């Protein structure tokens, strides 16, 4: 790993997340020589930090969990969420190539999947939605010892405290979680067997290593080399200085989004996004290179939104946490600075982001920022403290604001105490009636998935009163898993210029690319799904290019 690579390949891939790894493996299988580069010191990108689930409609594993799907049903569902913002031909490419991507990787590589039973789409009641699950797939546990000297080269996740379990063994990933026995967990730990995004990244890395494709770390793409209107390579910044890496057939951008570049975020995103939770090397390198090459951009205002929170470093090494299942449990609500509820707390995290973009036009401020998750002692006694990783004990740490009464808590937060009391009273009345007429919490099958896992399918999986002090509050911030705007592509993942024509030799996949999903998020794994599918498409098409001038 200390020597510079050869300076010419058929295909050059930038980025070692799911999109880049998939593109590299596929390009090699279709006959291309491949080099893959990573800006960070470790590989895997935000994929390795994730839950590792992949949303693929009509995937080949759905019959194994008794769910029927079809191309038509999947398209109906995706387009029902589109608000006329999706490019239909990209949706078609995604749906048509998803099952092929799964079949290809399972036949050719260590990447294996199984369908997650019963885990619903994020909008399962929409036309074509799947409340019974099956569209989400994930990898089995993977022994990292198979990676040899690369065993410690995958970036560890700061958000999943235990790397030795799968998402389906957590409350977020299964209706009733079934964690491994102590003996099985000890065995996995001994052999460094990992789940979630670690399993997916590890399996994809192994697929590359098996083909002699060794990722080059600490190598950042800075500028595309363009000759006669065709992309023929990349100027790389490496520890040993700048290097020109030539690409006979194509360069595939898979370098992540731009969420950690404040200027780009200010320029493009549609609302506040202050706390990204992705890997910090996602600073828009691929976006800048594509823009300099004349790329048309698409979907720039959007991100994979997610509620986040700030915690002490001892609670999480990033100082940030994802706020997902915690806000869906009974005995909790969310309120804004007026002390009022403002949305369905159990909605999926991407849809939830829109609540942070609501403006009070009279006061020229965001209506729902700041805001807080409010929970009571019933919540703590029943579910433990769940804000930070591993925090499921019964003791709430001192850094969490609290009050014996709602008014006392409101005073500490600077929130209108009378309104908070009214909001809690209204909520308790709705719980007693078994229905939330204000925001529909509990109406969707998805709402009842991330709630109390032992009340699956019932509204009381997420509906529960707040009536026993102390009352606690945790401030929620507007975050994202990554941006989803970038160069516009065609169904072959070719980057298009401002006239709508392909830029020869340039491809994009993953969060660097203008997402085919617009503002929508189909279901669990909806980020990794398009990343892998368009990585698959890009690798196949790039390997098949004839040069020069193809």
Protein backbone atom coordinates (compact mmCIF):
# COMPACT_ATOMS: atom_id res chain seq x y z
CA UNK A 1 0.00 0.00 0.00
CA UNK A 2 3.03 2.30 0.13
CA UNK A 3 3.67 2.40 -3.60
CA UNK A 4 1.91 4.40 -6.28
CA UNK A 5 -0.36 2.46 -8.62
CA UNK A 6 0.11 2.07 -12.34
CA UNK A 7 -0.93 5.25 -14.07
CA UNK A 8 -3.35 3.84 -16.61
CA UNK A 9 -6.39 1.61 -16.26
CA UNK A 10 -9.58 0.98 -18.15
CA UNK A 11 -11.81 2.25 -15.36
CA UNK A 12 -10.97 4.53 -12.44
CA UNK A 13 -13.38 4.64 -9.49
CA UNK A 14 -13.35 7.39 -6.86
CA UNK A 15 -14.81 6.33 -3.52
CA UNK A 16 -15.04 3.09 -1.55
CA UNK A 17 -18.61 3.12 -0.32
CA UNK A 18 -21.23 0.70 -1.64
CA UNK A 19 -21.49 2.55 -4.97
CA UNK A 20 -17.75 2.63 -5.66
CA UNK A 21 -17.05 -0.93 -4.56
CA UNK A 22 -19.96 -2.27 -6.60
CA UNK A 23 -18.87 -0.32 -9.68
CA UNK A 24 -15.31 -1.58 -9.38
CA UNK A 25 -16.29 -5.24 -9.03
CA UNK A 26 -18.77 -5.09 -11.91
CA UNK A 27 -16.37 -3.26 -14.25
CA UNK A 28 -13.74 -5.92 -13.57
CA UNK A 29 -16.19 -8.75 -14.20
CA UNK A 30 -17.01 -7.21 -17.57
CA UNK A 31 -13.38 -7.29 -18.58
CA UNK A 32 -11.94 -3.95 -17.48
CA UNK A 33 -8.79 -3.27 -15.52
CA UNK A 34 -9.84 -1.24 -12.50
CA UNK A 35 -8.33 1.10 -9.91
CA UNK A 36 -10.27 2.41 -6.94
CA UNK A 37 -9.23 5.37 -4.78
CA UNK A 38 -10.32 6.59 -1.36
CA UNK A 39 -9.79 10.05 0.12
CA UNK A 40 -9.88 8.85 3.73
CA UNK A 41 -7.33 6.66 5.50
CA UNK A 42 -9.85 3.82 5.84
CA UNK A 43 -12.32 2.37 3.32
CA UNK A 44 -16.08 1.87 3.40
CA UNK A 45 -17.29 5.46 3.62
CA UNK A 46 -20.70 6.18 5.11
CA UNK A 47 -21.79 2.69 3.98
CA UNK A 48 -19.65 1.20 6.74
CA UNK A 49 -21.31 3.50 9.28
CA UNK A 50 -24.82 2.54 8.20
CA UNK A 51 -27.28 -0.17 9.11
CA UNK A 52 -26.29 -1.88 5.85
CA UNK A 53 -29.81 -2.50 4.60
CA UNK A 54 -30.53 -2.15 0.89
CA UNK A 55 -33.98 -1.35 -0.55
CA UNK A 56 -34.50 -3.34 -3.77
CA UNK A 57 -38.10 -3.78 -4.96
CA UNK A 58 -38.97 -7.08 -6.61
CA UNK A 59 -35.73 -8.60 -5.33
CA UNK A 60 -35.17 -12.35 -5.70
CA UNK A 61 -35.42 -13.02 -1.95
CA UNK A 62 -38.95 -11.72 -1.48
CA UNK A 63 -40.61 -15.11 -2.16
CA UNK A 64 -38.57 -16.54 0.72
CA UNK A 65 -40.54 -14.34 3.14
CA UNK A 66 -43.85 -14.89 1.37
CA UNK A 67 -44.16 -11.49 -0.28
CA UNK A 68 -45.12 -11.00 -3.91
CA UNK A 69 -43.86 -7.98 -5.78
CA UNK A 70 -43.69 -6.84 -9.38
CA UNK A 71 -42.10 -4.19 -11.53
CA UNK A 72 -45.45 -2.51 -11.97
CA UNK A 73 -46.23 -2.44 -8.26
CA UNK A 74 -42.81 -1.04 -7.41
CA UNK A 75 -43.03 1.68 -10.03
CA UNK A 76 -46.54 2.63 -8.94
CA UNK A 77 -45.26 3.06 -5.40
CA UNK A 78 -42.19 5.13 -6.25
CA UNK A 79 -44.05 7.38 -8.66
CA UNK A 80 -46.86 7.90 -6.13
CA UNK A 81 -44.27 9.67 -3.95
CA UNK A 82 -42.77 11.72 -6.77
CA UNK A 83 -44.75 15.00 -6.66
CA UNK A 84 -43.88 15.14 -10.36
CA UNK A 85 -40.20 15.63 -9.47
CA UNK A 86 -38.80 12.24 -10.51
CA UNK A 87 -37.27 11.42 -13.87
CA UNK A 88 -39.24 8.36 -14.90
CA UNK A 89 -36.50 6.79 -16.99
CA UNK A 90 -34.17 6.74 -13.98
CA UNK A 91 -36.86 5.10 -11.87
CA UNK A 92 -37.23 2.49 -14.62
CA UNK A 93 -33.46 1.90 -14.64
CA UNK A 94 -33.45 1.45 -10.88
CA UNK A 95 -36.36 -0.98 -10.79
CA UNK A 96 -35.14 -3.00 -13.78
CA UNK A 97 -31.52 -3.33 -12.66
CA UNK A 98 -32.00 -3.83 -8.93
CA UNK A 99 -32.79 -7.56 -9.04
CA UNK A 100 -30.00 -8.07 -11.59
CA UNK A 101 -27.53 -6.37 -9.28
CA UNK A 102 -28.49 -8.71 -6.45
CA UNK A 103 -28.23 -11.81 -8.67
CA UNK A 104 -24.88 -10.68 -10.06
CA UNK A 105 -23.21 -10.01 -6.71
CA UNK A 106 -24.53 -13.19 -5.14
CA UNK A 107 -23.30 -15.30 -8.07
CA UNK A 108 -19.88 -13.67 -8.39
CA UNK A 109 -18.84 -12.36 -4.97
CA UNK A 110 -19.02 -12.94 -1.19
CA UNK A 111 -21.90 -10.43 -1.08
CA UNK A 112 -24.99 -12.39 -0.05
CA UNK A 113 -28.39 -11.13 1.03
CA UNK A 114 -31.63 -12.19 2.66
CA UNK A 115 -34.94 -10.36 2.74
CA UNK A 116 -35.97 -8.77 6.03
CA UNK A 117 -39.43 -10.10 6.84
CA UNK A 118 -42.28 -7.78 7.82
CA UNK A 119 -40.22 -4.56 7.70
CA UNK A 120 -42.56 -2.16 5.88
CA UNK A 121 -41.77 0.47 3.27
CA UNK A 122 -41.56 4.00 4.62
CA UNK A 123 -44.93 4.95 3.09
CA UNK A 124 -46.60 1.52 3.00
CA UNK A 125 -50.15 2.85 2.61
CA UNK A 126 -49.34 4.58 -0.67
CA UNK A 127 -50.33 2.81 -3.93
CA UNK A 128 -47.98 -0.09 -4.55
CA UNK A 129 -46.46 0.10 -1.06
CA UNK A 130 -45.46 -2.99 0.86
CA UNK A 131 -46.64 -2.97 4.50
CA UNK A 132 -45.55 -6.60 4.78
CA UNK A 133 -41.92 -5.82 3.94
CA UNK A 134 -39.57 -7.93 1.83
CA UNK A 135 -38.13 -5.12 -0.29
CA UNK A 136 -35.39 -4.50 2.26
CA UNK A 137 -32.46 -6.90 2.15
CA UNK A 138 -29.32 -7.16 4.25
CA UNK A 139 -26.12 -9.20 4.47
CA UNK A 140 -25.46 -11.98 6.95
CA UNK A 141 -22.70 -11.55 9.51
CA UNK A 142 -19.27 -11.47 7.80
CA UNK A 143 -15.98 -12.68 9.35
CA UNK A 144 -13.50 -9.84 8.93
CA UNK A 145 -10.60 -12.22 9.47
CA UNK A 146 -11.18 -13.23 5.84
CA UNK A 147 -9.85 -9.80 4.83
CA UNK A 148 -6.34 -10.65 5.99
CA UNK A 149 -4.15 -7.57 6.25
CA UNK A 150 -7.18 -5.45 5.33
CA UNK A 151 -9.09 -6.56 8.44
CA UNK A 152 -8.62 -3.22 10.19
CA UNK A 153 -8.99 -1.05 7.09
CA UNK A 154 -12.79 -0.61 7.18
CA UNK A 155 -13.88 2.53 9.03
CA UNK A 156 -15.78 1.56 12.21
CA UNK A 157 -19.26 2.94 12.78
CA UNK A 158 -19.65 5.54 15.53
CA UNK A 159 -23.41 5.00 15.57
CA UNK A 160 -23.73 1.25 16.11
CA UNK A 161 -21.94 0.48 19.35
CA UNK A 162 -21.88 -3.27 18.77
CA UNK A 163 -20.49 -4.23 15.34
CA UNK A 164 -21.23 -7.91 15.87
CA UNK A 165 -24.99 -7.85 15.24
CA UNK A 166 -27.19 -7.29 12.21
CA UNK A 167 -29.95 -4.71 11.93
CA UNK A 168 -32.47 -7.55 12.16
CA UNK A 169 -31.14 -8.28 15.65
CA UNK A 170 -31.94 -4.75 16.87
CA UNK A 171 -35.26 -3.10 17.78
CA UNK A 172 -35.00 -0.98 14.61
CA UNK A 173 -34.64 -3.95 12.33
CA UNK A 174 -37.08 -6.52 13.62
CA UNK A 175 -40.54 -6.42 15.11
CA UNK A 176 -39.38 -8.39 18.15
CA UNK A 177 -35.59 -8.28 18.24
CA UNK A 178 -33.76 -11.55 18.76
CA UNK A 179 -30.19 -10.69 19.70
CA UNK A 180 -27.58 -13.42 19.55
CA UNK A 181 -27.02 -15.51 22.65
CA UNK A 182 -24.03 -14.58 24.82
CA UNK A 183 -22.20 -17.62 23.48
CA UNK A 184 -22.91 -16.71 19.86
CA UNK A 185 -21.97 -13.08 20.46
CA UNK A 186 -18.66 -14.17 22.02
CA UNK A 187 -17.97 -16.41 19.03
CA UNK A 188 -18.64 -13.58 16.60
CA UNK A 189 -16.39 -11.26 18.56
CA UNK A 190 -13.58 -13.83 18.61
CA UNK A 191 -13.67 -14.17 14.81
CA UNK A 192 -14.40 -10.48 14.25
CA UNK A 193 -17.69 -11.27 12.56
CA UNK A 194 -19.57 -8.05 11.86
CA UNK A 195 -23.05 -7.08 10.74
CA UNK A 196 -24.91 -3.99 9.48
CA UNK A 197 -22.92 -1.70 7.17
CA UNK A 198 -19.71 -3.34 8.31
CA UNK A 199 -20.85 -6.65 6.79
CA UNK A 200 -21.81 -5.02 3.49
CA UNK A 201 -18.59 -3.00 3.23
CA UNK A 202 -16.49 -5.98 4.28
CA UNK A 203 -18.05 -8.29 1.72
CA UNK A 204 -17.67 -5.74 -1.06
CA UNK A 205 -14.06 -5.10 -0.06
CA UNK A 206 -13.39 -8.85 -0.15
CA UNK A 207 -14.91 -8.98 -3.64
CA UNK A 208 -12.42 -6.33 -4.77
CA UNK A 209 -9.44 -7.97 -3.07
CA UNK A 210 -10.32 -11.31 -4.66
CA UNK A 211 -9.89 -9.61 -8.03
CA UNK A 212 -6.63 -7.94 -7.18
CA UNK A 213 -8.31 -4.54 -6.86
CA UNK A 214 -6.57 -2.99 -3.87
CA UNK A 215 -8.05 0.35 -2.80
CA UNK A 216 -5.64 3.26 -2.66
CA UNK A 217 -6.31 5.28 0.50
CA UNK A 218 -5.40 8.91 1.20
CA UNK A 219 -5.87 9.62 -2.50
CA UNK A 220 -8.31 12.39 -3.36
CA UNK A 221 -9.55 13.18 -6.85
CA UNK A 222 -9.03 16.88 -7.57
CA UNK A 223 -9.65 17.42 -11.28
CA UNK A 224 -10.81 15.45 -14.27
CA UNK A 225 -8.44 15.16 -17.20
CA UNK A 226 -10.39 16.06 -20.33
CA UNK A 227 -9.07 15.71 -23.87
CA UNK A 228 -11.14 16.53 -26.95
CA UNK A 229 -14.26 16.72 -24.82
CA UNK A 230 -13.73 13.26 -23.30
CA UNK A 231 -12.83 12.39 -19.70
CA UNK A 232 -9.63 10.35 -19.86
CA UNK A 233 -8.42 10.39 -16.29
CA UNK A 234 -8.13 12.11 -12.92
CA UNK A 235 -5.54 14.29 -11.30
CA UNK A 236 -5.10 12.71 -7.87
CA UNK A 237 -3.73 14.24 -4.71
CA UNK A 238 -1.70 11.57 -2.90
CA UNK A 239 0.71 11.48 0.07
CA UNK A 240 3.54 11.45 -2.46
CA UNK A 241 2.25 14.38 -4.44
CA UNK A 242 -0.06 14.85 -7.43
CA UNK A 243 -0.46 11.91 -9.81
CA UNK A 244 -2.26 11.64 -13.13
CA UNK A 245 -4.27 8.44 -13.33
CA UNK A 246 -5.46 7.76 -16.85
CA UNK A 247 -8.72 5.96 -17.65
CA UNK A 248 -9.07 4.40 -21.08
CA UNK A 249 -12.80 3.72 -20.72
CA UNK A 250 -14.18 5.85 -17.94
CA UNK A 251 -14.04 7.57 -14.57
CA UNK A 252 -16.78 6.69 -12.09
CA UNK A 253 -17.50 9.28 -9.43
CA UNK A 254 -18.68 7.59 -6.23
CA UNK A 255 -17.14 9.99 -3.74
CA UNK A 256 -20.17 10.88 -1.63
CA UNK A 257 -22.13 14.06 -1.13
CA UNK A 258 -21.25 17.61 -0.11
CA UNK A 259 -22.87 17.82 3.32
CA UNK A 260 -19.61 18.63 5.12
CA UNK A 261 -18.90 21.68 2.96
CA UNK A 262 -20.76 24.61 4.50
CA UNK A 263 -20.50 26.78 1.39
CA UNK A 264 -22.01 24.11 -0.87
CA UNK A 265 -24.74 23.39 1.68
CA UNK A 266 -25.56 27.11 1.85
CA UNK A 267 -25.60 27.35 -1.93
CA UNK A 268 -27.80 24.38 -2.70
CA UNK A 269 -29.90 22.77 0.05
CA UNK A 270 -33.53 23.80 0.53
CA UNK A 271 -33.53 24.25 4.28
CA UNK A 272 -31.42 24.14 7.42
CA UNK A 273 -29.03 21.22 7.68
CA UNK A 274 -26.63 21.78 10.52
CA UNK A 275 -25.66 18.32 11.75
CA UNK A 276 -24.68 15.81 9.05
CA UNK A 277 -23.93 12.35 10.41
CA UNK A 278 -21.98 10.95 7.45
CA UNK A 279 -18.26 10.43 7.13
CA UNK A 280 -16.49 13.79 7.25
CA UNK A 281 -14.70 13.37 3.90
CA UNK A 282 -18.01 14.01 2.09
CA UNK A 283 -17.07 17.54 1.06
CA UNK A 284 -18.27 17.65 -2.54
CA UNK A 285 -15.07 16.70 -4.39
CA UNK A 286 -16.94 14.77 -7.07
CA UNK A 287 -19.52 17.52 -7.43
CA UNK A 288 -16.84 20.12 -8.08
CA UNK A 289 -15.08 17.94 -10.64
CA UNK A 290 -18.33 17.29 -12.47
CA UNK A 291 -19.26 20.98 -12.46
CA UNK A 292 -15.89 21.92 -13.94
CA UNK A 293 -16.51 19.34 -16.68
CA UNK A 294 -19.78 21.05 -17.61
CA UNK A 295 -22.22 18.71 -15.89
CA UNK A 296 -25.88 19.56 -15.53
CA UNK A 297 -27.00 19.28 -11.91
CA UNK A 298 -30.16 17.80 -10.49
CA UNK A 299 -31.93 17.40 -7.15
CA UNK A 300 -29.52 19.81 -5.49
CA UNK A 301 -31.94 21.03 -2.82
CA UNK A 302 -32.42 17.58 -1.32
CA UNK A 303 -30.66 15.42 1.24
CA UNK A 304 -31.33 12.15 3.02
CA UNK A 305 -32.73 14.08 6.00
CA UNK A 306 -32.59 12.71 9.53
CA UNK A 307 -33.26 14.12 13.01
CA UNK A 308 -30.04 14.18 15.04
CA UNK A 309 -28.88 15.33 18.44
CA UNK A 310 -25.73 16.60 20.09
CA UNK A 311 -24.27 14.58 22.97
CA UNK A 312 -21.04 14.67 24.99
CA UNK A 313 -18.09 12.97 23.32
CA UNK A 314 -18.05 10.31 26.02
CA UNK A 315 -21.55 9.33 24.88
CA UNK A 316 -20.57 9.16 21.21
CA UNK A 317 -17.17 9.72 19.57
CA UNK A 318 -18.77 11.99 16.94
CA UNK A 319 -20.64 14.05 19.51
CA UNK A 320 -23.82 13.37 17.52
CA UNK A 321 -26.52 10.70 17.54
CA UNK A 322 -29.27 9.58 15.18
CA UNK A 323 -32.74 10.07 16.65
CA UNK A 324 -34.90 7.38 15.08
CA UNK A 325 -36.55 4.72 17.21
CA UNK A 326 -36.25 6.84 20.33
CA UNK A 327 -38.86 9.36 19.12
CA UNK A 328 -41.37 6.68 18.08
CA UNK A 329 -41.76 5.04 21.48
CA UNK A 330 -44.80 5.61 23.70
CA UNK A 331 -44.59 8.22 26.47
CA UNK A 332 -42.84 10.75 24.25
CA UNK A 333 -43.72 13.66 21.99
CA UNK A 334 -41.81 16.38 20.19
CA UNK A 335 -42.51 20.09 20.65
CA UNK A 336 -41.20 23.32 19.17
CA UNK A 337 -40.19 26.49 21.00
CA UNK A 338 -43.86 27.38 21.41
CA UNK A 339 -44.35 24.17 23.36
CA UNK A 340 -46.53 22.69 20.62
CA UNK A 341 -46.44 19.40 18.80
CA UNK A 342 -45.77 19.94 15.11
CA UNK A 343 -45.60 16.61 13.30
CA UNK A 344 -45.95 12.82 13.46
CA UNK A 345 -43.01 11.85 15.67
CA UNK A 346 -43.03 8.30 14.30
CA UNK A 347 -42.68 9.30 10.64
CA UNK A 348 -39.66 8.02 8.75
CA UNK A 349 -36.57 10.15 9.22
CA UNK A 350 -36.31 11.47 5.66
CA UNK A 351 -39.92 12.68 5.57
CA UNK A 352 -39.41 14.13 9.05
CA UNK A 353 -36.81 16.54 7.67
CA UNK A 354 -39.51 18.57 5.94
CA UNK A 355 -40.91 19.57 9.34
CA UNK A 356 -37.70 21.48 10.02
CA UNK A 357 -38.13 23.55 6.85
CA UNK A 358 -41.52 25.05 7.76
CA UNK A 359 -41.27 28.84 7.99
CA UNK A 360 -43.18 31.30 10.09
CA UNK A 361 -43.47 33.98 7.43
CA UNK A 362 -44.59 36.64 9.91
CA UNK A 363 -41.51 36.24 12.08
CA UNK A 364 -39.11 35.15 9.29
CA UNK A 365 -37.88 32.17 11.24
CA UNK A 366 -38.12 28.41 11.11
CA UNK A 367 -41.26 27.43 12.95
CA UNK A 368 -39.97 24.14 14.40
CA UNK A 369 -36.36 24.86 15.27
CA UNK A 370 -35.30 24.58 17.98
CA UNK A 371 -37.35 21.59 19.09
CA UNK A 372 -37.17 18.88 21.72
CA UNK A 373 -38.06 15.26 22.31
CA UNK A 374 -40.04 15.27 25.56
CA UNK A 375 -40.35 12.02 27.53
CA UNK A 376 -41.35 11.11 31.05
CA UNK A 377 -40.33 8.65 33.74
CA UNK A 378 -42.68 6.01 32.31
CA UNK A 379 -40.56 6.08 29.13
CA UNK A 380 -37.35 5.64 31.11
CA UNK A 381 -38.74 2.88 33.32
CA UNK A 382 -40.14 0.97 30.35
CA UNK A 383 -37.50 1.45 27.66
CA UNK A 384 -34.46 2.85 29.42
CA UNK A 385 -32.46 5.85 28.32
CA UNK A 386 -32.00 5.39 24.57
CA UNK A 387 -30.55 8.66 23.33
CA UNK A 388 -26.89 7.70 23.01
CA UNK A 389 -25.35 4.49 21.72
CA UNK A 390 -25.54 1.77 24.32
CA UNK A 391 -27.68 4.04 26.49
CA UNK A 392 -30.47 1.70 27.49
CA UNK A 393 -29.99 1.86 31.24
CA UNK A 394 -32.48 3.27 33.70
CA UNK A 395 -30.32 6.24 34.74
CA UNK A 396 -30.76 9.43 32.72
CA UNK A 397 -27.42 11.31 32.60
CA UNK A 398 -27.07 14.72 34.19
CA UNK A 399 -26.67 16.51 30.85
CA UNK A 400 -30.32 15.83 29.98
CA UNK A 401 -32.61 18.72 31.13
CA UNK A 402 -35.46 17.67 33.40
CA UNK A 403 -38.23 18.99 35.59
CA UNK A 404 -40.62 17.46 38.08
CA UNK A 405 -43.48 19.10 36.19
CA UNK A 406 -43.92 20.15 32.55
CA UNK A 407 -43.84 23.81 33.66
CA UNK A 408 -40.51 23.33 35.43
CA UNK A 409 -39.04 21.64 32.37
CA UNK A 410 -40.40 24.34 30.06
CA UNK A 411 -38.75 27.05 32.15
CA UNK A 412 -35.36 25.36 31.72
CA UNK A 413 -35.85 25.12 27.95
CA UNK A 414 -37.21 28.61 27.41
CA UNK A 415 -40.45 27.10 26.13
CA UNK A 416 -43.97 28.41 26.80
CA UNK A 417 -44.98 26.36 29.84
CA UNK A 418 -48.73 26.83 29.43
CA UNK A 419 -48.56 25.61 25.84
CA UNK A 420 -46.46 22.59 26.82
CA UNK A 421 -49.04 21.65 29.45
CA UNK A 422 -51.81 21.97 26.83
CA UNK A 423 -49.84 19.88 24.33
CA UNK A 424 -49.31 17.09 26.83
CA UNK A 425 -52.96 17.17 27.91
CA UNK A 426 -54.13 17.05 24.31
CA UNK A 427 -51.75 14.18 23.62
CA UNK A 428 -52.96 12.22 26.63
CA UNK A 429 -56.57 12.67 25.53
CA UNK A 430 -55.69 11.38 22.07
CA UNK A 431 -53.89 8.38 23.56
CA UNK A 432 -56.95 7.60 25.68
CA UNK A 433 -59.07 7.72 22.52
CA UNK A 434 -56.58 5.44 20.74
CA UNK A 435 -56.01 7.82 17.84
CA UNK A 436 -53.92 10.90 16.98
CA UNK A 437 -56.23 13.11 14.88
CA UNK A 438 -53.69 15.95 14.88
CA UNK A 439 -50.82 14.26 13.02
CA UNK A 440 -51.87 10.65 12.46
CA UNK A 441 -49.19 9.04 14.59
CA UNK A 442 -49.84 5.31 14.66
CA UNK A 443 -51.95 5.27 11.50
CA UNK A 444 -49.20 3.82 9.30
CA UNK A 445 -47.80 0.32 9.56
CA UNK A 446 -44.39 1.95 9.60
CA UNK A 447 -45.24 4.01 12.70
CA UNK A 448 -45.89 0.80 14.59
CA UNK A 449 -42.66 -0.83 13.45
CA UNK A 450 -40.14 1.39 15.22
CA UNK A 451 -42.32 1.80 18.29
CA UNK A 452 -42.57 -0.72 21.11
CA UNK A 453 -41.38 -3.96 19.49
CA UNK A 454 -43.67 -6.04 21.69
CA UNK A 455 -46.81 -4.26 20.46
CA UNK A 456 -46.22 -4.72 16.75
CA UNK A 457 -49.07 -3.72 14.47
CA UNK A 458 -50.97 -1.83 17.17
CA UNK A 459 -51.31 1.91 17.69
CA UNK A 460 -50.17 1.55 21.28
CA UNK A 461 -46.78 0.58 19.88
CA UNK A 462 -46.26 4.34 19.57
CA UNK A 463 -49.12 5.94 21.53
CA UNK A 464 -48.52 6.36 25.26
CA UNK A 465 -49.30 9.05 27.82
CA UNK A 466 -46.92 11.51 29.45
CA UNK A 467 -48.07 11.79 33.05
CA UNK A 468 -45.34 10.82 35.47
CA UNK A 469 -42.40 13.02 36.35
CA UNK A 470 -39.64 13.74 36.09
CA UNK A 471 -40.11 15.00 32.56
CA UNK A 472 -37.04 15.07 30.32
CA UNK A 473 -36.05 16.90 27.13
CA UNK A 474 -33.49 16.28 24.40
CA UNK A 475 -32.95 18.91 21.71
CA UNK A 476 -33.28 17.68 18.12
CA UNK A 477 -31.28 19.14 15.23
CA UNK A 478 -31.77 19.04 11.46
CA UNK A 479 -29.26 16.54 10.10
CA UNK A 480 -28.74 14.30 7.12
CA UNK A 481 -27.22 10.95 6.18
CA UNK A 482 -25.82 12.64 3.08
CA UNK A 483 -26.84 15.04 0.35
CA UNK A 484 -28.56 13.60 -2.71
CA UNK A 485 -27.97 16.22 -5.36
CA UNK A 486 -25.26 16.16 -7.98
CA UNK A 487 -24.58 15.67 -11.66
CA UNK A 488 -27.57 14.57 -13.66
CA UNK A 489 -27.15 11.13 -15.21
CA UNK A 490 -28.90 9.06 -17.85
CA UNK A 491 -30.13 5.46 -17.38
CA UNK A 492 -26.56 4.23 -18.03
CA UNK A 493 -25.23 6.38 -15.15
CA UNK A 494 -23.45 8.58 -17.70
CA UNK A 495 -23.07 12.17 -16.50
CA UNK A 496 -24.93 14.63 -18.72
CA UNK A 497 -23.78 18.09 -19.71
CA UNK A 498 -25.93 21.21 -19.63
CA UNK A 499 -27.29 20.38 -23.09
CA UNK A 500 -28.47 16.97 -21.92
CA UNK A 501 -25.77 14.99 -23.75
CA UNK A 502 -23.48 12.44 -22.08
CA UNK A 503 -19.99 13.62 -21.17
CA UNK A 504 -17.94 10.80 -22.71
CA UNK A 505 -16.07 8.76 -20.12
CA UNK A 506 -17.75 10.23 -17.01
CA UNK A 507 -20.13 8.33 -14.71
CA UNK A 508 -21.64 8.91 -11.27
CA UNK A 509 -23.30 6.74 -8.62
CA UNK A 510 -24.27 7.10 -4.98
CA UNK A 511 -24.66 10.39 -3.12
CA UNK A 512 -22.41 12.27 -5.54
CA UNK A 513 -25.06 11.77 -8.22
CA UNK A 514 -28.38 13.56 -8.62
CA UNK A 515 -30.61 11.01 -6.93
CA UNK A 516 -33.30 9.29 -9.02
CA UNK A 517 -35.54 9.51 -5.94
CA UNK A 518 -35.92 13.28 -5.70
CA UNK A 519 -37.19 14.14 -2.24
CA UNK A 520 -38.54 10.63 -1.61
CA UNK A 521 -37.20 7.66 0.35
CA UNK A 522 -38.86 4.38 -0.53
CA UNK A 523 -38.01 2.23 2.44
CA UNK A 524 -35.30 0.97 4.78
CA UNK A 525 -32.10 0.87 2.72
CA UNK A 526 -33.33 3.56 0.34
CA UNK A 527 -29.91 5.24 0.25
CA UNK A 528 -27.81 2.13 -0.41
CA UNK A 529 -30.29 0.76 -2.96
CA UNK A 530 -29.77 3.40 -5.66
CA UNK A 531 -26.06 3.66 -4.77
CA UNK A 532 -25.47 -0.01 -5.53
CA UNK A 533 -27.80 -0.20 -8.50
CA UNK A 534 -26.28 2.79 -10.29
CA UNK A 535 -22.80 1.60 -9.30
CA UNK A 536 -23.70 -1.69 -10.99
CA UNK A 537 -24.98 0.14 -14.07
CA UNK A 538 -21.95 2.45 -14.23
CA UNK A 539 -19.40 -0.34 -13.90
CA UNK A 540 -21.04 -2.43 -16.59
CA UNK A 541 -21.43 0.42 -19.06
CA UNK A 542 -17.96 1.84 -18.51
CA UNK A 543 -16.33 -1.55 -19.04
CA UNK A 544 -18.19 -1.90 -22.33
CA UNK A 545 -17.13 1.45 -23.79
CA UNK A 546 -15.00 1.49 -26.87
CA UNK A 547 -12.35 4.19 -26.98
CA UNK A 548 -11.51 6.75 -28.08
CA UNK A 549 -14.59 8.84 -28.73
CA UNK A 550 -17.19 6.20 -27.84
